[in-house]
Protein backbone atom coordinates (compact mmCIF):
# COMPACT_ATOMS: atom_id res chain seq x y z
CA MET A 1 0.00 0.00 0.00
CA SER A 2 1.39 3.39 -0.95
CA GLU A 3 1.76 6.21 1.54
CA LEU A 4 -0.84 8.98 1.53
CA LYS A 5 0.28 12.58 1.06
CA ARG A 6 -1.25 15.41 3.10
CA PHE A 7 -1.95 18.53 1.10
CA PHE A 8 -3.25 22.01 2.05
CA ILE A 9 -5.89 23.39 -0.34
CA CYS A 10 -6.85 27.06 -0.10
CA GLY A 11 -8.34 27.95 -3.49
CA SER A 12 -10.44 26.70 -6.35
CA ALA A 13 -10.23 23.03 -5.26
CA LEU A 14 -11.90 23.69 -1.89
CA ARG A 15 -15.22 21.98 -1.16
CA GLY A 16 -17.93 23.81 -3.10
CA GLN A 17 -15.49 25.37 -5.56
CA PRO A 18 -15.37 24.54 -9.30
CA ASP A 19 -12.06 22.65 -9.26
CA HIS A 20 -12.88 20.43 -6.27
CA GLN A 21 -13.18 17.49 -8.70
CA ASN A 22 -9.42 17.83 -9.32
CA LEU A 23 -8.92 16.14 -5.94
CA LYS A 24 -10.41 12.95 -7.45
CA GLY A 25 -12.04 11.88 -4.19
CA ALA A 26 -9.08 12.59 -1.89
CA SER A 27 -10.00 12.18 1.77
CA PHE A 28 -10.99 15.38 3.56
CA VAL A 29 -9.03 15.55 6.83
CA GLY A 30 -10.33 18.86 8.13
CA GLU A 31 -10.24 22.61 7.98
CA ALA A 32 -6.94 24.32 8.74
CA LYS A 33 -5.24 27.70 8.73
CA THR A 34 -1.70 28.68 7.93
CA GLN A 35 0.51 30.49 10.36
CA PRO A 36 0.21 34.27 9.75
CA ARG A 37 3.04 34.30 7.21
CA TYR A 38 1.25 34.32 3.83
CA ARG A 39 -0.63 36.57 1.41
CA LEU A 40 -3.42 35.60 -0.99
CA HIS A 41 -4.08 37.27 -4.36
CA ALA A 42 -6.77 36.85 -7.03
CA ILE A 43 -4.66 35.97 -10.07
CA LYS A 44 -5.83 36.90 -13.57
CA SER A 45 -8.92 38.72 -12.31
CA GLY A 46 -10.00 35.88 -10.06
CA TRP A 47 -9.26 32.95 -12.36
CA HIS A 48 -7.25 31.26 -9.59
CA PRO A 49 -5.69 32.10 -6.25
CA GLY A 50 -2.04 32.83 -5.65
CA ILE A 51 -0.52 32.33 -2.20
CA TYR A 52 3.05 33.15 -1.24
CA GLU A 53 5.12 33.54 1.91
CA ALA A 54 5.18 37.23 2.77
CA ASP A 55 7.98 39.32 4.20
CA GLU A 56 8.37 39.24 7.99
CA GLY A 57 5.36 40.81 9.70
CA GLN A 58 3.38 41.26 6.45
CA GLY A 59 1.49 37.96 6.33
CA ILE A 60 -1.84 36.75 7.62
CA SER A 61 -3.33 33.34 8.35
CA ILE A 62 -4.98 31.82 5.25
CA PRO A 63 -7.92 29.42 5.77
CA GLY A 64 -8.07 26.16 3.85
CA GLU A 65 -8.57 22.42 4.01
CA ILE A 66 -6.27 19.44 4.46
CA TYR A 67 -6.66 16.36 2.25
CA GLU A 68 -4.94 13.00 2.20
CA MET A 69 -4.35 11.76 -1.31
CA THR A 70 -2.90 8.79 -3.09
CA ALA A 71 -0.05 9.16 -5.57
CA GLU A 72 -2.58 9.00 -8.41
CA GLN A 73 -4.79 11.73 -6.89
CA TYR A 74 -1.72 13.88 -6.23
CA ASP A 75 -0.43 13.46 -9.80
CA TYR A 76 -3.82 14.47 -11.21
CA LEU A 77 -4.02 17.54 -8.98
CA ILE A 78 -0.52 18.71 -9.93
CA ALA A 79 -1.15 18.11 -13.65
CA ASN A 80 -4.21 20.37 -13.50
CA GLU A 81 -2.71 23.32 -11.62
CA PRO A 82 -2.42 26.65 -13.45
CA PRO A 83 0.91 27.69 -14.98
CA ASP A 84 3.63 29.04 -12.65
CA MET A 85 2.29 27.34 -9.53
CA TYR A 86 4.80 25.25 -7.60
CA GLU A 87 4.66 22.87 -4.67
CA ALA A 88 6.26 23.92 -1.39
CA PRO A 89 5.77 23.23 2.30
CA ILE A 90 3.68 25.66 4.31
CA ALA A 91 3.40 26.15 8.05
CA LEU A 92 0.00 25.55 9.65
CA ASP A 93 -1.15 27.33 12.79
CA ASN A 94 -0.93 24.06 14.74
CA GLY A 95 2.79 23.76 13.94
CA ASP A 96 2.44 21.10 11.23
CA ARG A 97 4.07 21.54 7.83
CA VAL A 98 2.28 20.18 4.77
CA SER A 99 2.56 20.63 1.02
CA ALA A 100 0.64 23.32 -0.83
CA MET A 101 0.66 25.00 -4.20
CA LEU A 102 2.27 28.44 -4.05
CA TYR A 103 2.57 31.15 -6.66
CA PRO A 104 5.61 33.36 -7.23
CA LYS A 105 5.33 36.58 -5.21
CA ALA A 106 6.53 38.70 -8.15
CA LEU A 107 3.63 37.43 -10.28
CA CYS A 108 1.08 37.99 -7.49
CA LEU A 109 1.81 41.67 -7.02
CA ASP A 110 0.06 42.70 -10.26
CA TRP A 111 -3.24 41.21 -9.04
CA PRO A 112 -5.62 42.17 -6.19
CA ASP A 113 -4.50 41.23 -2.69
CA ILE A 114 -7.52 39.50 -1.13
CA SER A 115 -5.75 38.35 2.02
CA GLY A 116 -8.11 40.17 4.36
CA LEU A 117 -11.35 38.86 2.82
CA GLY A 118 -11.51 35.56 4.72
CA GLY A 119 -10.03 33.23 2.12
CA TRP A 120 -10.72 32.18 -1.46
CA ALA A 121 -14.26 30.86 -0.95
CA ALA A 122 -15.31 34.06 0.87
CA TYR A 123 -13.80 36.14 -1.95
CA LYS A 124 -15.75 34.19 -4.56
CA VAL A 125 -19.02 34.50 -2.59
CA ALA A 126 -18.46 38.25 -2.27
CA GLY A 127 -18.56 38.49 -6.08
CA GLU A 128 -14.90 39.21 -6.65
């Protein structure tokens, strides 16, 4: 049996969001938040989120969800991520570190910073 990978989701693959099917039935572990070290932007006018580690003292806690996925589910998720996204570990508020998809800070800065809006799902509900 292959080992399951834990992954932090904070954007369009959240429950109730249009790309949730990209998780291919991965097991929902629970809701989570990052440590207050990150920023969240609406990339390409809200097409997808972009999260990056902010400079010291500039970040906030980003809400999301943790999933456990098989190698096949993980491969599918990664293959369907938007261009320029990359996998990196993030720090959760409980001290755990898990993988997430980040976006280069330099590419985020041209798009709206939605960090203070309560996360990606809240941003989408608010009508962008």
